[in-house]
Protein backbone atom coordinates (compact mmCIF):
# COMPACT_ATOMS: atom_id res chain seq x y z
CA MET A 1 0.00 0.00 0.00
CA PRO A 2 1.49 3.41 -0.93
CA ARG A 3 2.46 5.61 1.97
CA PRO A 4 0.52 8.81 2.61
CA GLN A 5 2.23 11.84 1.14
CA PRO A 6 4.31 14.00 3.49
CA ARG A 7 2.53 16.95 5.07
CA ALA A 8 4.53 19.58 3.19
CA LEU A 9 3.45 18.21 -0.18
CA ASP A 10 -0.06 17.51 1.08
CA GLY A 11 -0.46 21.15 2.05
CA ILE A 12 0.56 22.24 -1.43
CA LEU A 13 -1.70 19.79 -3.19
CA LYS A 14 -4.70 20.74 -1.06
CA ARG A 15 -4.48 24.23 -2.48
CA ARG A 16 -5.29 22.76 -5.88
CA ALA A 17 -8.80 21.31 -5.63
CA SER A 18 -9.44 18.22 -7.78
CA ILE A 19 -6.36 18.64 -9.95
CA ASP A 20 -7.02 15.56 -12.08
CA ARG A 21 -9.51 17.52 -14.23
CA PRO A 22 -9.10 20.81 -16.08
CA ALA A 23 -10.51 24.05 -14.72
CA ALA A 24 -13.06 24.27 -17.56
CA PHE A 25 -14.74 21.08 -16.29
CA PHE A 26 -15.38 22.62 -12.85
CA LEU A 27 -16.50 25.86 -14.46
CA PHE A 28 -19.10 24.01 -16.53
CA ARG A 29 -20.23 21.96 -13.52
CA GLN A 30 -20.74 25.09 -11.42
CA PHE A 31 -22.60 26.76 -14.28
CA TRP A 32 -24.87 23.72 -14.69
CA THR A 33 -25.62 23.73 -10.96
CA LEU A 34 -26.56 27.40 -11.08
CA LEU A 35 -28.83 26.73 -14.05
CA ARG A 36 -30.65 23.99 -12.15
CA CYS A 37 -30.99 26.27 -9.16
CA TRP A 38 -32.52 28.95 -11.37
CA ILE A 39 -35.08 26.48 -12.78
CA CYS A 40 -35.89 25.26 -9.29
CA LEU A 41 -36.31 28.83 -8.08
CA LEU A 42 -38.86 29.61 -10.78
CA PHE A 43 -40.78 26.44 -10.09
CA ALA A 44 -40.74 27.15 -6.37
CA LEU A 45 -42.24 30.58 -6.94
CA PHE A 46 -45.25 29.12 -8.74
CA ARG A 47 -45.63 25.95 -6.68
CA SER A 48 -44.26 26.54 -3.23
CA TRP A 49 -42.30 29.38 -1.64
CA GLU A 50 -42.20 27.28 1.52
CA SER A 51 -40.65 24.30 -0.30
CA LEU A 52 -37.78 26.40 -1.59
CA ALA A 53 -36.08 26.60 1.78
CA ARG A 54 -36.12 22.89 2.50
CA ARG A 55 -35.80 21.31 -0.95
CA LEU A 56 -33.89 23.68 -3.22
CA LEU A 57 -30.61 23.49 -1.28
CA TYR A 58 -30.72 19.71 -1.01
CA HIS A 59 -31.58 18.87 -4.63
CA CYS A 60 -29.65 21.61 -6.40
CA VAL A 61 -26.47 21.56 -4.34
CA TYR A 62 -26.13 18.22 -2.56
CA ILE A 63 -27.82 15.88 -5.02
CA GLY A 64 -27.60 18.03 -8.13
CA VAL A 65 -27.86 15.31 -10.73
CA ARG A 66 -31.32 14.09 -9.75
CA PRO A 67 -34.48 15.67 -11.13
CA PHE A 68 -36.35 17.99 -8.85
CA PRO A 69 -39.43 16.12 -7.45
CA LEU A 70 -42.44 18.18 -8.36
CA GLU A 71 -45.12 16.16 -6.70
CA ALA A 72 -43.85 16.68 -3.15
CA ALA A 73 -44.31 20.44 -3.03
CA PRO A 74 -47.57 21.76 -1.52
CA VAL A 75 -49.10 24.70 -3.34
CA VAL A 76 -48.83 28.04 -1.55
CA PRO A 77 -50.18 31.05 -3.50
CA VAL A 78 -47.71 33.86 -4.24
CA ASN A 79 -48.55 37.37 -5.50
CA LYS A 80 -48.27 37.51 -9.33
CA VAL A 81 -46.46 40.86 -9.36
CA PHE A 82 -43.82 39.40 -7.05
CA GLN A 83 -43.58 36.30 -9.26
CA ARG A 84 -42.95 38.39 -12.36
CA ALA A 85 -40.36 40.59 -10.60
CA VAL A 86 -38.40 37.58 -9.41
CA PHE A 87 -38.70 35.97 -12.84
CA ILE A 88 -37.21 39.05 -14.56
CA LEU A 89 -34.47 39.35 -11.91
CA SER A 90 -33.53 35.69 -12.17
CA LEU A 91 -33.51 35.91 -15.97
CA ALA A 92 -31.05 38.83 -15.75
CA ILE A 93 -28.83 36.90 -13.33
CA PHE A 94 -28.89 33.84 -15.57
CA ALA A 95 -27.95 35.98 -18.61
CA ALA A 96 -25.03 37.49 -16.70
CA LEU A 97 -23.82 34.07 -15.61
CA GLY A 98 -24.23 32.75 -19.14
CA SER A 99 -22.13 35.57 -20.58
CA GLY A 100 -19.53 34.88 -17.92
CA PHE A 101 -19.38 31.28 -19.02
CA VAL A 102 -18.95 32.29 -22.65
CA LEU A 103 -16.12 34.65 -21.70
CA GLY A 104 -14.39 31.85 -19.82
CA GLU A 105 -14.64 33.03 -16.24
CA PHE A 106 -17.02 33.56 -13.30
CA SER A 107 -15.42 36.61 -11.79
CA TRP A 108 -18.06 36.81 -9.02
CA PHE A 109 -17.07 33.40 -7.76
CA GLY A 110 -13.31 33.72 -8.37
CA VAL A 111 -13.28 30.81 -10.84
CA HIS A 112 -11.01 31.41 -13.83
CA ALA A 113 -10.47 29.11 -16.74
CA GLY A 114 -7.43 30.92 -18.09
CA GLY A 115 -4.54 29.10 -19.69
CA GLU A 116 -2.17 29.88 -16.83
CA GLN A 117 -4.38 28.21 -14.23
CA ASP A 118 -4.97 25.21 -16.48
CA GLY A 119 -1.21 24.98 -16.87
CA ALA A 120 -0.73 25.08 -13.10
CA TYR A 121 -3.31 22.33 -12.63
CA ARG A 122 -1.57 20.16 -15.20
CA GLN A 123 1.88 20.70 -13.70
CA VAL A 124 0.76 19.80 -10.18
CA SER A 125 -1.07 16.80 -11.58
CA VAL A 126 2.10 15.67 -13.35
CA TYR A 127 4.07 16.11 -10.13
CA GLN A 128 1.54 13.96 -8.25
CA GLN A 129 1.81 11.26 -10.91
CA VAL A 130 5.61 11.31 -10.70
CA LEU A 131 5.44 10.83 -6.92
CA LYS A 132 3.10 7.87 -7.35
CA LYS A 133 5.46 6.28 -9.88
CA VAL A 134 8.43 6.83 -7.57
CA GLN A 135 6.49 5.20 -4.72
CA THR A 136 5.39 2.16 -6.72
CA ASP A 137 8.06 1.56 -9.38
CA TYR A 138 11.42 2.64 -7.92
CA VAL A 139 13.96 -0.14 -7.39
CA VAL A 140 13.52 0.04 -3.61
CA GLU A 141 10.82 1.63 -1.48
CA PRO A 142 11.95 5.26 -1.23
CA ASN A 143 11.78 7.56 1.76
CA MET A 144 9.04 9.83 0.43
CA ALA A 145 9.72 12.51 3.02
CA GLU A 146 13.26 12.88 1.65
CA VAL A 147 12.03 12.74 -1.93
CA THR A 148 9.53 15.51 -1.26
CA THR A 149 12.09 17.63 0.58
CA GLY A 150 14.48 17.34 -2.36
CA ALA A 151 11.72 18.24 -4.78
CA LEU A 152 10.74 21.31 -2.77
CA HIS A 153 14.38 22.42 -2.59
CA GLY A 154 14.58 22.16 -6.36
CA LEU A 155 11.27 23.95 -6.83
CA LEU A 156 12.39 27.03 -4.90
CA GLU A 157 15.92 27.11 -6.29
CA SER A 158 14.57 26.96 -9.84
CA LEU A 159 13.16 30.45 -9.22
CA ASP A 160 16.42 32.17 -8.21
CA ALA A 161 19.47 31.67 -6.02
CA ASP A 162 18.00 33.46 -3.00
CA SER A 163 14.71 31.53 -2.76
CA SER A 164 14.98 28.55 -0.42
CA TYR A 165 12.90 25.83 1.18
CA LEU A 166 13.87 25.05 4.78
CA THR A 167 12.71 21.94 6.58
CA ALA A 168 11.34 22.32 10.10
CA THR A 169 14.76 21.41 11.56
CA GLU A 170 16.63 23.78 9.24
CA TYR A 171 14.21 26.60 9.92
CA LYS A 172 14.58 26.21 13.69
CA ILE A 173 18.37 26.46 13.36
CA TYR A 174 17.94 29.42 11.03
CA LYS A 175 15.75 31.28 13.53
CA ASP A 176 17.98 30.46 16.51
CA ARG A 177 21.27 31.39 14.83
CA PRO A 178 23.40 33.77 16.94
CA THR A 179 23.80 37.34 15.79
CA THR A 180 26.95 38.19 17.77
CA GLY A 181 30.25 36.44 18.33
CA VAL A 182 30.01 34.57 15.03
CA ALA A 183 33.30 33.64 13.39
CA GLN A 184 33.65 33.47 9.60
CA VAL A 185 36.20 32.65 6.93
CA GLY A 186 35.79 35.86 4.93
CA ILE A 187 33.76 34.87 1.88
CA THR A 188 30.41 35.94 0.48
CA VAL A 189 28.58 33.22 -1.42
CA SER A 190 25.61 32.74 -3.68
CA LYS A 191 24.48 29.82 -5.84
CA ARG A 192 25.28 29.51 -9.51
CA PHE A 193 24.82 26.41 -11.67
CA GLY A 194 23.48 24.55 -8.65
CA TYR A 195 26.57 24.94 -6.45
CA ALA A 196 27.76 27.51 -3.93
CA THR A 197 29.90 30.11 -5.69
CA ILE A 198 32.21 32.66 -4.10
CA VAL A 199 31.03 36.20 -4.85
CA SER A 200 33.85 38.05 -3.07
CA VAL A 201 36.67 37.46 -0.60
CA LEU A 202 37.46 39.75 2.32
CA PRO A 203 41.07 41.00 2.13
CA GLY A 204 43.27 39.53 4.88
CA SER A 205 40.70 36.86 5.79
CA PRO A 206 41.44 33.10 6.10
CA ALA A 207 39.92 32.60 2.63
CA ASP A 208 42.14 35.32 1.18
CA LYS A 209 45.24 33.71 2.69
CA GLU A 210 44.35 30.46 0.91
CA HIS A 211 44.04 32.42 -2.37
CA LEU A 212 40.33 31.78 -2.79
CA THR A 213 38.82 34.25 -5.23
CA ASP A 214 35.50 35.32 -6.67
CA GLY A 215 34.16 32.80 -9.14
CA ASP A 216 35.58 29.77 -7.31
CA VAL A 217 32.95 27.06 -6.83
CA ILE A 218 32.53 25.36 -3.45
CA GLU A 219 31.70 21.80 -4.43
CA SER A 220 31.21 20.56 -0.88
CA ILE A 221 31.36 21.63 2.75
CA GLY A 222 32.80 18.75 4.73
CA GLU A 223 31.25 15.69 3.12
CA GLN A 224 28.03 17.41 2.04
CA SER A 225 27.57 18.60 -1.52
CA THR A 226 26.43 22.20 -1.80
CA ARG A 227 24.20 21.14 -4.67
CA GLU A 228 21.92 19.46 -2.13
CA MET A 229 21.72 22.52 0.16
CA SER A 230 19.78 25.74 0.01
CA LEU A 231 21.72 29.00 0.07
CA ALA A 232 20.44 29.77 3.58
CA VAL A 233 21.83 26.47 4.91
CA ILE A 234 25.16 27.00 3.11
CA LYS A 235 25.59 30.36 4.82
CA LEU A 236 24.78 28.80 8.19
CA MET A 237 27.43 26.11 7.68
CA LEU A 238 30.12 28.62 6.77
CA ASP A 239 29.73 30.38 10.13
CA GLY A 240 30.82 28.90 13.45
CA LYS A 241 32.69 29.39 16.68
CA PRO A 242 36.04 31.23 16.74
CA GLY A 243 38.92 28.81 16.17
CA SER A 244 36.76 26.08 14.62
CA THR A 245 37.79 24.69 11.25
CA LEU A 246 35.93 24.48 7.98
CA ALA A 247 36.79 21.92 5.30
CA LEU A 248 35.92 22.91 1.73
CA SER A 249 36.27 21.27 -1.65
CA VAL A 250 36.87 24.12 -4.10
CA VAL A 251 36.77 23.97 -7.90
CA ARG A 252 38.95 26.66 -9.44
CA PRO A 253 38.99 27.90 -13.06
CA ARG A 254 41.19 25.87 -15.43
CA LYS A 255 41.74 23.09 -12.87
CA ALA A 256 40.16 19.70 -13.41
CA ASP A 257 40.31 18.43 -9.85
CA PRO A 258 38.93 20.26 -6.81
CA ASP A 259 41.28 21.55 -4.12
CA LYS A 260 40.80 20.47 -0.53
CA VAL A 261 41.03 23.57 1.66
CA THR A 262 40.81 23.81 5.46
CA LEU A 263 40.09 27.25 6.91
CA THR A 264 40.03 28.42 10.52
CA ARG A 265 37.09 30.65 11.41
CA THR A 266 37.96 34.01 12.96
CA ILE A 267 36.15 37.14 14.06
CA GLY A 268 37.52 39.96 11.97
CA ALA A 269 36.46 43.49 11.22
CA PRO A 270 36.14 44.56 7.60
CA PRO A 271 39.10 46.60 6.34
CA SER A 272 38.89 50.36 6.67
CA VAL A 273 38.27 52.67 3.73
CA SER A 274 41.20 52.61 1.34
CA GLU A 275 42.16 56.15 0.30
CA GLN A 276 44.91 57.17 -2.10
CA GLN A 277 45.92 60.17 -4.21
CA TYR A 278 46.85 59.93 -7.89
CA ASP A 279 48.13 62.31 -10.55
CA ASN A 280 49.62 64.88 -8.19
CA ALA A 281 46.69 64.61 -5.80
CA THR A 282 44.15 65.60 -8.48
CA ILE A 283 42.45 62.20 -8.31
CA LEU A 284 40.97 60.91 -5.05
CA TYR A 285 40.79 57.10 -4.94
CA LEU A 286 38.27 55.60 -2.47
CA LYS A 287 37.53 51.93 -1.85
CA PRO A 288 34.78 51.44 0.78
CA GLY A 289 34.91 47.62 0.92
CA VAL A 290 31.48 47.26 2.55
CA LEU A 291 28.51 49.59 2.30
CA THR A 292 27.32 49.95 5.87
CA ASN A 293 25.77 53.11 7.24
CA ALA A 294 28.99 54.11 9.00
CA ARG A 295 31.13 53.36 5.94
CA VAL A 296 28.95 55.43 3.60
CA ASP A 297 29.05 58.29 6.13
CA GLU A 298 32.84 58.05 6.05
CA ILE A 299 32.91 58.21 2.25
CA GLY A 300 30.63 61.25 2.34
CA ALA A 301 32.91 63.03 4.80
CA LYS A 302 35.99 62.37 2.64
CA LEU A 303 34.22 63.69 -0.45
CA LYS A 304 33.21 66.89 1.33
CA ALA A 305 36.73 67.38 2.63
CA SER A 306 38.39 66.79 -0.75
CA GLY A 307 37.55 70.25 -2.03
CA LYS A 308 36.74 71.36 -5.55
CA GLY A 309 38.74 70.48 -8.62
CA ARG A 310 39.57 66.91 -7.55
CA LYS A 311 38.37 63.96 -9.58
CA VAL A 312 36.98 60.86 -7.88
CA LEU A 313 37.76 57.19 -8.51
CA LEU A 314 35.31 54.96 -6.61
CA ASP A 315 36.47 51.33 -6.39
CA LEU A 316 33.53 48.96 -5.83
CA ARG A 317 35.36 45.81 -6.85
CA ASP A 318 34.69 42.84 -4.56
CA SER A 319 32.16 44.90 -2.63
CA SER A 320 29.26 42.56 -1.91
CA GLU A 321 28.25 43.36 1.67
CA GLY A 322 25.91 46.13 2.70
CA ASP A 323 22.35 47.35 2.69
CA ALA A 324 20.63 48.36 -0.54
CA GLN A 325 19.58 51.70 0.91
CA GLU A 326 23.22 52.51 1.68
CA GLY A 327 24.16 51.76 -1.91
CA LEU A 328 21.55 54.23 -3.09
CA ARG A 329 22.69 56.80 -0.54
CA LEU A 330 26.24 56.50 -1.86
CA ALA A 331 25.00 57.07 -5.42
CA ASN A 332 23.08 60.14 -4.23
CA PHE A 333 26.41 61.79 -3.26
CA PHE A 334 27.12 62.07 -7.01
CA LEU A 335 23.56 62.58 -8.33
CA LYS A 336 21.58 65.76 -7.84
CA ASP A 337 18.28 64.52 -9.26
CA GLY A 338 16.63 61.75 -11.29
CA THR A 339 15.65 58.14 -10.63
CA MET A 340 18.35 55.97 -9.08
CA ALA A 341 16.54 52.60 -8.88
CA MET A 342 13.17 50.87 -8.68
CA LEU A 343 11.91 47.93 -6.65
CA GLU A 344 9.01 45.86 -7.93
CA GLY A 345 7.36 42.44 -7.58
CA GLN A 346 4.18 40.63 -8.58
CA LYS A 347 2.35 41.67 -5.39
CA PHE A 348 5.01 44.01 -4.01
CA PRO A 349 4.08 47.70 -4.25
CA LYS A 350 6.36 49.38 -6.78
CA GLN A 351 8.88 51.74 -5.22
CA THR A 352 10.89 54.36 -7.07
CA PHE A 353 14.03 55.78 -5.47
CA ALA A 354 14.85 59.29 -6.61
CA ALA A 355 17.95 61.32 -5.82
CA ASP A 356 17.54 63.83 -3.00
CA PRO A 357 19.16 67.17 -3.93
CA SER A 358 19.89 67.88 -0.25
CA LYS A 359 22.17 64.80 -0.10
CA PHE A 360 24.16 65.67 -3.22
CA VAL A 361 27.88 66.23 -2.46
CA THR A 362 30.00 66.61 -5.58
CA ASP A 363 29.81 66.98 -9.35
CA ALA A 364 33.53 66.19 -9.82
CA PRO A 365 34.51 63.94 -12.75
CA LEU A 366 33.91 60.36 -11.68
CA ALA A 367 34.90 56.80 -12.57
CA VAL A 368 33.62 53.62 -10.89
CA LEU A 369 35.41 50.27 -10.85
CA ILE A 370 33.39 47.03 -10.80
CA ASN A 371 34.12 43.34 -11.27
CA ARG A 372 32.34 40.01 -10.88
CA GLY A 373 32.65 40.39 -7.10
CA THR A 374 30.57 43.58 -7.13
CA ALA A 375 27.14 42.62 -5.82
CA GLY A 376 24.05 43.91 -4.09
CA ALA A 377 24.24 47.46 -2.75
CA ALA A 378 27.38 48.27 -4.75
CA GLU A 379 25.61 47.25 -7.96
CA LEU A 380 22.83 49.73 -7.20
CA THR A 381 25.43 52.47 -6.86
CA ALA A 382 27.13 51.58 -10.13
CA ALA A 383 23.85 51.17 -12.05
CA ALA A 384 22.51 54.55 -10.88
CA ILE A 385 25.72 56.36 -11.86
CA GLU A 386 25.91 54.56 -15.21
CA ASN A 387 22.28 55.23 -16.18
CA ALA A 388 22.60 58.92 -15.30
CA LYS A 389 25.77 59.07 -17.46
CA ARG A 390 27.42 60.63 -14.44
CA GLY A 391 30.72 58.81 -14.89
CA ASP A 392 32.52 55.90 -16.54
CA VAL A 393 31.94 52.41 -15.16
CA VAL A 394 35.13 50.45 -15.77
CA GLY A 395 35.86 46.74 -15.37
CA GLU A 396 33.80 43.63 -16.02
CA ARG A 397 30.23 42.43 -15.58
CA SER A 398 29.09 42.52 -11.95
CA PHE A 399 27.71 39.50 -10.12
CA GLY A 400 23.96 40.18 -10.30
CA GLU A 401 22.38 40.37 -6.85
CA GLY A 402 19.50 42.62 -5.87
CA SER A 403 16.27 41.26 -4.42
CA VAL A 404 13.99 41.22 -1.38
CA GLN A 405 12.98 37.99 0.36
CA LYS A 406 9.94 37.19 2.49
CA THR A 407 9.83 34.43 5.10
CA ILE A 408 6.67 32.31 4.85
CA GLU A 409 6.14 29.80 7.65
CA LEU A 410 4.37 26.53 6.78
CA PRO A 411 2.03 24.51 9.04
CA ASP A 412 4.52 21.66 9.59
CA GLY A 413 7.23 24.02 10.92
CA ALA A 414 9.07 24.36 7.61
CA ALA A 415 9.44 27.69 5.83
CA LEU A 416 9.96 29.35 2.49
CA LEU A 417 12.46 32.16 1.92
CA LEU A 418 10.80 33.54 -1.18
CA THR A 419 11.99 36.38 -3.38
CA VAL A 420 9.07 38.83 -3.65
CA ALA A 421 10.70 41.81 -5.37
CA LYS A 422 13.76 42.69 -7.44
CA TYR A 423 15.69 45.93 -7.82
CA GLU A 424 15.76 47.50 -11.26
CA SER A 425 18.08 50.08 -12.75
CA PRO A 426 16.43 53.30 -14.00
CA ASP A 427 16.18 51.81 -17.51
CA GLY A 428 14.10 48.90 -16.17
CA LYS A 429 16.74 46.15 -16.18
CA LYS A 430 16.56 43.75 -13.23
CA ILE A 431 19.98 43.73 -11.59
CA GLN A 432 19.46 40.19 -10.27
CA ASP A 433 18.98 38.91 -13.82
CA GLU A 434 21.16 41.17 -15.97
CA ALA A 435 23.76 42.53 -13.50
CA VAL A 436 25.63 45.75 -14.38
CA MET A 437 27.61 45.93 -17.59
CA PRO A 438 30.58 48.35 -17.61
CA THR A 439 30.68 51.18 -20.10
CA VAL A 440 34.42 50.52 -20.47
CA PRO A 441 35.08 46.74 -20.32
CA VAL A 442 38.42 45.56 -18.94
CA GLU A 443 38.98 41.86 -18.40
CA GLN A 444 40.12 40.93 -14.90
CA ALA A 445 43.38 39.02 -14.46
CA SER A 446 42.84 35.26 -14.65
CA ALA A 447 44.34 32.67 -12.33
CA ASP A 448 47.19 32.19 -14.82
CA ASP A 449 48.11 35.88 -14.54
CA LEU A 450 48.61 35.87 -10.75
CA ASP A 451 51.97 35.58 -9.07
CA ASP A 452 52.74 33.36 -6.07
CA SER A 453 51.22 35.89 -3.67
CA GLY A 454 47.95 36.03 -5.60
CA ALA A 455 48.58 39.58 -6.89
CA PRO A 456 48.25 40.43 -10.61
CA ALA A 457 51.60 39.88 -12.29
CA LYS A 458 50.83 42.52 -14.94
CA GLY A 459 49.61 45.22 -12.58
CA ASP A 460 46.05 46.46 -12.15
CA GLU A 461 44.82 47.06 -15.71
CA THR A 462 41.33 48.09 -14.59
CA LEU A 463 42.71 50.76 -12.26
CA ASP A 464 45.15 51.97 -14.90
CA LYS A 465 42.37 52.32 -17.46
CA ALA A 466 40.15 54.30 -15.08
CA LEU A 467 43.03 56.62 -14.16
CA ALA A 468 43.74 57.25 -17.83
CA LEU A 469 40.08 58.16 -18.44
CA LEU A 470 40.02 60.58 -15.50
CA LYS A 471 43.31 62.23 -16.46
CA ALA A 472 41.79 63.04 -19.85
CA LYS A 473 38.86 64.87 -18.22
CA ASN A 474 38.84 68.44 -17.06
CA GLY A 475 38.48 68.91 -13.34
């Protein structure tokens, strides 16, 4: 005998009533029931107003398919004017319902026979059939709870990297995770091609000392493949107690076999703002690292103190940490007006973020550096500056990260971390999907171009290109 389906799947399937038949079938059945009720109503008016209350509901709704018994209704006279009024009213209602059927929907009752809903019914029906086949035909009797959990993981991750399904156990750990005293190895990760992928590496961190770099793929954490984990669980496993070790299997570009790397977790502060002067102090170079509230305030103070006539080189390479609002605030330092970004989702109220003239700081010539480790808040900064044609964006395509998630708790204790909105650049491109493309492309040094210390053997071509562009501009 097949096992009952796990509660998580059962809850999903219950939201799709009678999925084995198309929506049009239920639409026609409801229409036919309403037609019978209309006929019964007319008969009741002429034969028995009293019988309507006790027979109409039973025969038209509960039995439905049986003919209405005429002989059982005692005759109770009803005023003819009232009869005619109800007849005309019921005829109008029937005509409205009939037109609704022809148009393909009963909007009053929330029943729609559109192609999208039919497609959803069919897909869930197919999924149910697959589960039945797995239960009955697989080589051994499978653990259906694990099968369903794996399917739900895949369902959410097929949407985007940030959407996750957490089992009840995973969700409890997620909620109870500590917020202070957490040690890390200095990497920001996302999921690409099914596996955890390094977005950026914190300078001076354990990961940096082992020469891990953005674009490296973490094949496994310990003995567990990252392909089988949600992004939320991967991030939980990377954190730990100070001094604890983390074993990773890392696939690097142009290497066939993965490297086994062991890192020691530490509590480290992000590096301070990097500030330098170029071209006889006419170019101010700033690298914020992370875009926290305090760090953006620090950048603003340095811009105000730099004085007029100095050009600005803003380095957002490998900047992947920070709040989206701080990224927009940083862009506002260079933009006096206009739209900086938009945030929109299917049921998420559209928000438009416009530059505030009171927060504008400088109109100095500007260049921004980005690479594939530029993500999130830093991408919003670069996209706003690029779309306003405020300065050159130099480097390579950014990572592509910019969304809002909502936590949805399920009855069995599990939860969904579901993306409900995505940030868009002023020209309407979703940063999560299309990233930020530089106006001046410069390919980043590959692994073959690094020396033994991990530094570029040919110098920093992206920086050199941006400096050359700024030198050619008038201050």
